Amino acid sequence: MSYAAEKTGLPLLTVVIPVYNGENFLRETLESVLRQSYPAAEVIVVNDGSTDRTSSIAHGFGGQVRVLDRENAGVSASRNAGIAEASTDWVALMDHDDLWEREHLANLARAIARNPESDVCYSGGRELVPDPVTGVFHPGEVMPFPTNEELPRMLMERCAFIPSATALRRSTVLAAGGFDSRYVNLQDWELWLRLFHRGAKFIHTPEPTLLYRIHPASRTHKALQTLMHSVGVVEEHVLPHFSAFERATRGRCIISRLEGEAAILLRQNGSPGALAMMMRSIVRHPFHEPRRYKIAAHMLLRGYCKGD
């Protein structure tokens, strides 16, 4: 047991960071992990077959960071490899381009100590946004992660929080089979739902100690792929837990919202099909989110029907 854990009585935490071609942000991310007020028991970087300087940057931290260099297999396989290699029963997840405030691990560890029966603990988060002129990143809006009371409903409708905010009980995740590599997107939502339905206990510590970097690579550009995986998660892990009436009402509303979000992404990316997707959302469930009608009208006026 580390001196910090022995002194405080807090649980030990291993940090797992999967990364593919992350040379632009990895150093800053690791520095934020290593300057935590409550230090991690170990830090594992899983290099997922990177072709840039990722491996040398990670190895440059010496004994402070353990590096697993692997052939490219995707983020789910990399996270699973890091979790399997962890020496502690609690694993804090971190994406290679995000940052943590100094108290992040301390807040998670204190919340876990107060709730020793918990399996998943997630912090609050804040966006890290670039200045439009200088490109320098600075903290932005607080992210709308749900409270303990809000989580059961929100989790059935969308991915309620993200990996970099999360600490997981290793034994619980391994027993559930870890992250599912079938999902290119939404692997986190799929696992949260699977754990939830297995009876895992989720707890929330609201301090926004995660800084989630907003940049082009952090927002999916594959709107249709994201929609396909989102609907797949809903069909596999949400609809089977609804009554027939709920599937016809709430279930249709959830999928309609996902289609509306895909339409907005298509429009932002200048891709064809935005108007058709928005109309599909409206036809599926006409009575929620009235702003969809305004967006569809705007698409018509701006000529988004071209190519639809």
Protein backbone atom coordinates (compact mmCIF):
# COMPACT_ATOMS: atom_id res chain seq x y z
CA MET A 1 0.00 0.00 0.00
CA SER A 2 1.28 3.47 -0.84
CA TYR A 3 2.06 5.96 1.91
CA ALA A 4 -0.78 8.24 0.75
CA ALA A 5 -3.36 5.46 0.89
CA GLU A 6 -2.06 4.15 4.25
CA LYS A 7 -2.18 7.63 5.74
CA THR A 8 -5.65 8.56 4.48
CA GLY A 9 -7.43 5.21 4.39
CA LEU A 10 -8.52 5.91 0.80
CA PRO A 11 -8.62 3.20 -1.88
CA LEU A 12 -5.72 2.73 -4.25
CA LEU A 13 -6.35 3.77 -7.86
CA THR A 14 -4.64 2.74 -11.09
CA VAL A 15 -4.97 5.19 -13.99
CA VAL A 16 -5.45 3.61 -17.44
CA ILE A 17 -4.89 5.75 -20.56
CA PRO A 18 -5.51 4.22 -24.01
CA VAL A 19 -3.91 6.21 -26.82
CA TYR A 20 -3.50 6.07 -30.58
CA ASN A 21 -1.36 8.73 -32.25
CA GLY A 22 -1.72 11.11 -29.34
CA GLU A 23 1.58 12.99 -29.49
CA ASN A 24 -0.11 16.41 -29.47
CA PHE A 25 -1.77 16.04 -26.07
CA LEU A 26 -0.38 13.01 -24.24
CA ARG A 27 2.43 14.81 -22.40
CA GLU A 28 0.09 17.43 -20.94
CA THR A 29 -2.42 14.74 -19.98
CA LEU A 30 0.20 12.68 -18.18
CA GLU A 31 1.50 15.75 -16.36
CA SER A 32 -2.02 16.44 -15.06
CA VAL A 33 -2.28 12.82 -13.85
CA LEU A 34 1.12 12.86 -12.15
CA ARG A 35 0.49 16.11 -10.25
CA GLN A 36 -2.64 14.84 -8.50
CA SER A 37 -2.86 15.76 -4.81
CA TYR A 38 -3.72 12.09 -4.14
CA PRO A 39 -1.29 10.15 -6.36
CA ALA A 40 -2.27 7.12 -8.38
CA ALA A 41 -0.83 3.78 -7.30
CA GLU A 42 0.29 3.34 -10.90
CA VAL A 43 -0.27 4.93 -14.31
CA ILE A 44 -0.66 2.62 -17.32
CA VAL A 45 -0.50 3.99 -20.87
CA VAL A 46 -1.78 1.51 -23.46
CA ASN A 47 -0.21 2.50 -26.78
CA ASP A 48 -2.60 1.13 -29.40
CA GLY A 49 -0.14 0.72 -32.28
CA SER A 50 0.60 4.43 -32.68
CA THR A 51 2.73 5.50 -35.65
CA ASP A 52 3.78 8.89 -34.25
CA ARG A 53 5.85 9.83 -31.17
CA THR A 54 3.26 8.55 -28.67
CA SER A 55 5.38 5.65 -27.42
CA SER A 56 8.56 7.70 -26.93
CA ILE A 57 6.62 10.43 -25.08
CA ALA A 58 5.08 7.88 -22.71
CA HIS A 59 8.38 6.05 -22.15
CA GLY A 60 10.01 9.44 -21.51
CA PHE A 61 8.29 9.62 -18.12
CA GLY A 62 10.42 6.72 -16.93
CA GLY A 63 9.28 4.75 -13.91
CA GLN A 64 6.37 7.10 -13.27
CA VAL A 65 4.44 5.55 -16.17
CA ARG A 66 4.07 1.93 -17.23
CA VAL A 67 3.72 1.63 -21.02
CA LEU A 68 2.02 -1.27 -22.81
CA ASP A 69 2.93 -1.14 -26.50
CA ARG A 70 0.42 -3.21 -28.48
CA GLU A 71 -0.70 -3.74 -32.05
CA ASN A 72 -3.64 -1.55 -33.03
CA ALA A 73 -6.88 -3.11 -31.78
CA GLY A 74 -9.10 -0.15 -30.92
CA VAL A 75 -9.91 1.81 -27.80
CA SER A 76 -12.10 -0.86 -26.17
CA ALA A 77 -9.42 -3.54 -26.42
CA SER A 78 -6.82 -1.06 -25.14
CA ARG A 79 -8.92 -0.07 -22.14
CA ASN A 80 -9.59 -3.74 -21.37
CA ALA A 81 -5.86 -4.53 -21.58
CA GLY A 82 -5.02 -1.72 -19.16
CA ILE A 83 -7.75 -2.74 -16.73
CA ALA A 84 -6.59 -6.37 -16.83
CA GLU A 85 -2.99 -5.29 -16.07
CA ALA A 86 -3.93 -2.98 -13.17
CA SER A 87 -2.62 -3.98 -9.74
CA THR A 88 -5.47 -2.34 -7.79
CA ASP A 89 -9.18 -3.09 -7.60
CA TRP A 90 -10.09 0.48 -8.61
CA VAL A 91 -9.20 1.86 -12.02
CA ALA A 92 -9.58 5.50 -13.04
CA LEU A 93 -10.06 5.92 -16.78
CA MET A 94 -8.45 8.76 -18.72
CA ASP A 95 -8.49 9.65 -22.42
CA HIS A 96 -5.17 10.84 -23.77
CA ASP A 97 -6.36 14.36 -24.65
CA ASP A 98 -8.25 15.27 -21.46
CA LEU A 99 -6.96 16.87 -18.24
CA TRP A 100 -7.72 16.56 -14.53
CA GLU A 101 -7.75 19.21 -11.83
CA ARG A 102 -5.38 18.39 -8.96
CA GLU A 103 -8.15 17.08 -6.69
CA HIS A 104 -9.74 14.73 -9.22
CA LEU A 105 -8.41 11.42 -7.90
CA ALA A 106 -8.76 12.58 -4.30
CA ASN A 107 -12.43 13.39 -4.82
CA LEU A 108 -13.09 10.03 -6.48
CA ALA A 109 -11.23 8.15 -3.75
CA ARG A 110 -13.11 9.97 -0.97
CA ALA A 111 -16.46 9.23 -2.63
CA ILE A 112 -15.54 5.55 -2.96
CA ALA A 113 -14.43 5.41 0.69
CA ARG A 114 -17.79 6.88 1.74
CA ASN A 115 -19.58 4.29 -0.40
CA PRO A 116 -17.55 1.07 -0.09
CA GLU A 117 -20.27 -0.97 -1.81
CA SER A 118 -20.05 1.11 -5.00
CA ASP A 119 -18.82 -0.20 -8.37
CA VAL A 120 -18.71 2.95 -10.54
CA CYS A 121 -17.86 6.48 -9.43
CA TYR A 122 -17.98 9.47 -11.78
CA SER A 123 -16.99 13.08 -11.20
CA GLY A 124 -18.34 16.29 -12.60
CA GLY A 125 -16.74 17.75 -15.71
CA ARG A 126 -16.07 20.98 -17.50
CA GLU A 127 -15.38 21.56 -21.20
CA LEU A 128 -11.88 22.62 -22.21
CA VAL A 129 -12.41 24.87 -25.21
CA PRO A 130 -9.97 26.56 -27.62
CA ASP A 131 -9.77 30.33 -27.92
CA PRO A 132 -10.98 31.15 -31.48
CA VAL A 133 -8.02 33.49 -32.05
CA THR A 134 -5.06 31.98 -30.21
CA GLY A 135 -6.16 28.35 -30.11
CA VAL A 136 -5.16 28.18 -26.43
CA PHE A 137 -7.48 25.91 -24.42
CA HIS A 138 -9.29 27.24 -21.35
CA PRO A 139 -12.08 25.89 -19.07
CA GLY A 140 -15.60 26.40 -20.43
CA GLU A 141 -19.08 25.29 -19.43
CA VAL A 142 -19.83 22.66 -16.81
CA MET A 143 -20.99 19.41 -18.42
CA PRO A 144 -24.51 18.21 -17.54
CA PHE A 145 -23.67 14.92 -15.86
CA PRO A 146 -26.62 13.53 -13.85
CA THR A 147 -26.94 13.28 -10.08
CA ASN A 148 -27.35 9.90 -8.41
CA GLU A 149 -31.11 10.40 -8.52
CA GLU A 150 -31.19 11.42 -12.19
CA LEU A 151 -28.87 8.68 -13.44
CA PRO A 152 -31.29 5.72 -13.83
CA ARG A 153 -33.54 7.63 -16.23
CA MET A 154 -30.79 9.47 -18.11
CA LEU A 155 -28.72 6.31 -18.55
CA MET A 156 -31.60 4.72 -20.47
CA GLU A 157 -31.69 7.67 -22.87
CA ARG A 158 -28.10 8.69 -23.54
CA CYS A 159 -24.48 8.27 -22.45
CA ALA A 160 -24.74 10.03 -19.10
CA PHE A 161 -21.01 10.60 -18.42
CA ILE A 162 -17.69 9.90 -20.12
CA PRO A 163 -14.73 7.63 -19.36
CA SER A 164 -12.31 10.35 -18.20
CA ALA A 165 -14.71 11.18 -15.36
CA THR A 166 -14.91 7.59 -14.19
CA ALA A 167 -13.38 5.17 -11.71
CA LEU A 168 -14.45 1.53 -11.95
CA ARG A 169 -14.17 -1.44 -9.62
CA ARG A 170 -11.85 -3.67 -11.62
CA SER A 171 -13.37 -6.96 -10.49
CA THR A 172 -16.86 -5.80 -11.45
CA VAL A 173 -15.77 -4.73 -14.93
CA LEU A 174 -13.82 -7.94 -15.57
CA ALA A 175 -16.79 -10.04 -14.46
CA ALA A 176 -18.98 -8.17 -16.95
CA GLY A 177 -16.53 -8.77 -19.81
CA GLY A 178 -15.15 -5.23 -20.09
CA PHE A 179 -15.75 -2.82 -22.96
CA ASP A 180 -17.37 -4.33 -26.07
CA SER A 181 -15.17 -3.95 -29.16
CA ARG A 182 -18.18 -4.38 -31.46
CA TYR A 183 -19.02 -0.75 -30.81
CA VAL A 184 -16.76 1.73 -32.58
CA ASN A 185 -18.71 4.51 -30.85
CA LEU A 186 -20.60 4.52 -27.57
CA GLN A 187 -18.55 1.72 -25.96
CA ASP A 188 -18.82 3.59 -22.68
CA TRP A 189 -22.63 3.89 -22.77
CA GLU A 190 -22.92 0.22 -23.66
CA LEU A 191 -20.77 -0.79 -20.68
CA TRP A 192 -22.52 1.58 -18.24
CA LEU A 193 -25.89 0.04 -19.22
CA ARG A 194 -24.57 -3.49 -18.96
CA LEU A 195 -23.19 -2.80 -15.49
CA PHE A 196 -26.39 -1.03 -14.45
CA HIS A 197 -28.55 -3.98 -15.49
CA ARG A 198 -26.21 -6.35 -13.62
CA GLY A 199 -26.92 -4.41 -10.42
CA ALA A 200 -23.73 -2.36 -10.17
CA LYS A 201 -23.97 0.65 -7.86
CA PHE A 202 -23.13 4.05 -9.37
CA ILE A 203 -22.17 7.09 -7.31
CA HIS A 204 -21.49 10.69 -8.33
CA THR A 205 -19.13 13.27 -6.91
CA PRO A 206 -20.24 16.56 -8.49
CA GLU A 207 -17.05 18.65 -8.39
CA PRO A 208 -16.10 19.39 -12.05
CA THR A 209 -12.54 18.08 -11.82
CA LEU A 210 -12.48 16.60 -15.33
CA LEU A 211 -11.50 18.97 -18.15
CA TYR A 212 -12.86 17.48 -21.40
CA ARG A 213 -11.00 18.84 -24.40
CA ILE A 214 -13.21 20.08 -27.25
CA HIS A 215 -11.49 19.89 -30.63
CA PRO A 216 -12.31 18.42 -34.04
CA ALA A 217 -10.95 14.99 -33.19
CA SER A 218 -12.98 14.82 -29.98
CA ARG A 219 -16.32 15.21 -31.75
CA THR A 220 -17.33 12.34 -33.94
CA HIS A 221 -17.53 13.24 -37.62
CA LYS A 222 -19.22 9.98 -38.55
CA ALA A 223 -22.80 10.90 -37.77
CA LEU A 224 -24.39 7.88 -39.44
CA GLN A 225 -21.97 5.44 -37.79
CA THR A 226 -22.63 7.04 -34.42
CA LEU A 227 -26.39 6.81 -34.99
CA MET A 228 -26.10 3.14 -35.97
CA HIS A 229 -24.18 2.29 -32.80
CA SER A 230 -26.47 4.42 -30.63
CA VAL A 231 -29.56 2.65 -31.95
CA GLY A 232 -27.76 -0.66 -31.47
CA VAL A 233 -27.17 0.15 -27.79
CA VAL A 234 -30.82 1.17 -27.37
CA GLU A 235 -32.12 -1.99 -29.04
CA GLU A 236 -29.81 -4.28 -27.07
CA HIS A 237 -29.79 -2.69 -23.61
CA VAL A 238 -32.74 -0.28 -23.32
CA LEU A 239 -35.83 -1.49 -25.19
CA PRO A 240 -35.81 -5.01 -23.67
CA HIS A 241 -36.29 -3.37 -20.25
CA PHE A 242 -39.36 -1.38 -21.40
CA SER A 243 -42.95 -2.51 -21.49
CA ALA A 244 -44.66 -2.70 -24.89
CA PHE A 245 -46.25 0.69 -24.23
CA GLU A 246 -42.90 2.24 -23.23
CA ARG A 247 -41.24 0.87 -26.36
CA ALA A 248 -43.94 2.49 -28.51
CA THR A 249 -43.69 5.83 -26.72
CA ARG A 250 -40.48 6.47 -24.82
CA GLY A 251 -38.46 4.12 -27.02
CA ARG A 252 -39.57 5.90 -30.20
CA CYS A 253 -38.79 9.24 -28.56
CA ILE A 254 -35.24 8.14 -27.68
CA ILE A 255 -34.48 6.95 -31.22
CA SER A 256 -36.10 10.07 -32.68
CA ARG A 257 -33.81 12.24 -30.54
CA LEU A 258 -30.76 10.29 -31.72
CA GLU A 259 -31.83 10.81 -35.34
CA GLY A 260 -32.27 14.54 -34.69
CA GLU A 261 -28.76 14.75 -33.21
CA ALA A 262 -27.39 12.87 -36.24
CA ALA A 263 -29.12 15.35 -38.55
CA ILE A 264 -27.48 18.27 -36.76
CA LEU A 265 -24.05 16.59 -37.01
CA LEU A 266 -24.59 15.98 -40.73
CA ARG A 267 -25.47 19.64 -41.18
CA GLN A 268 -22.44 20.84 -39.18
CA ASN A 269 -20.15 18.61 -41.25
CA GLY A 270 -21.69 19.75 -44.54
CA SER A 271 -22.68 16.16 -45.32
CA PRO A 272 -25.67 15.17 -47.46
CA GLY A 273 -28.73 13.67 -45.85
CA ALA A 274 -29.19 16.19 -43.04
CA LEU A 275 -32.71 17.26 -43.99
CA ALA A 276 -33.86 13.71 -44.72
CA MET A 277 -32.55 12.59 -41.34
CA MET A 278 -34.28 15.45 -39.53
CA MET A 279 -37.58 14.66 -41.25
CA ARG A 280 -37.13 11.01 -40.28
CA SER A 281 -36.75 12.11 -36.66
CA ILE A 282 -39.88 14.26 -36.83
CA VAL A 283 -41.99 11.55 -38.46
CA ARG A 284 -40.85 8.95 -35.91
CA HIS A 285 -41.95 11.13 -32.96
CA PRO A 286 -43.52 14.51 -33.84
CA PHE A 287 -44.16 15.80 -30.33
CA HIS A 288 -40.82 16.26 -28.59
CA GLU A 289 -38.13 18.89 -29.13
CA PRO A 290 -40.07 21.45 -31.21
CA ARG A 291 -36.79 23.09 -32.24
CA ARG A 292 -36.40 20.29 -34.79
CA TYR A 293 -39.09 21.96 -36.91
CA LYS A 294 -37.17 25.22 -36.82
CA ILE A 295 -33.93 23.45 -37.80
CA ALA A 296 -35.68 21.60 -40.64
CA ALA A 297 -37.16 24.87 -41.94
CA HIS A 298 -33.72 26.48 -41.79
CA MET A 299 -32.27 23.56 -43.77
CA LEU A 300 -34.94 24.02 -46.43
CA LEU A 301 -34.25 27.75 -46.69
CA ARG A 302 -30.49 27.18 -46.91
CA GLY A 303 -30.86 24.49 -49.56
CA TYR A 304 -29.98 21.46 -47.46
CA CYS A 305 -32.36 19.44 -49.54
CA LYS A 306 -29.61 19.29 -52.19
CA GLY A 307 -28.15 15.84 -52.17
CA ASP A 308 -30.78 14.47 -49.75
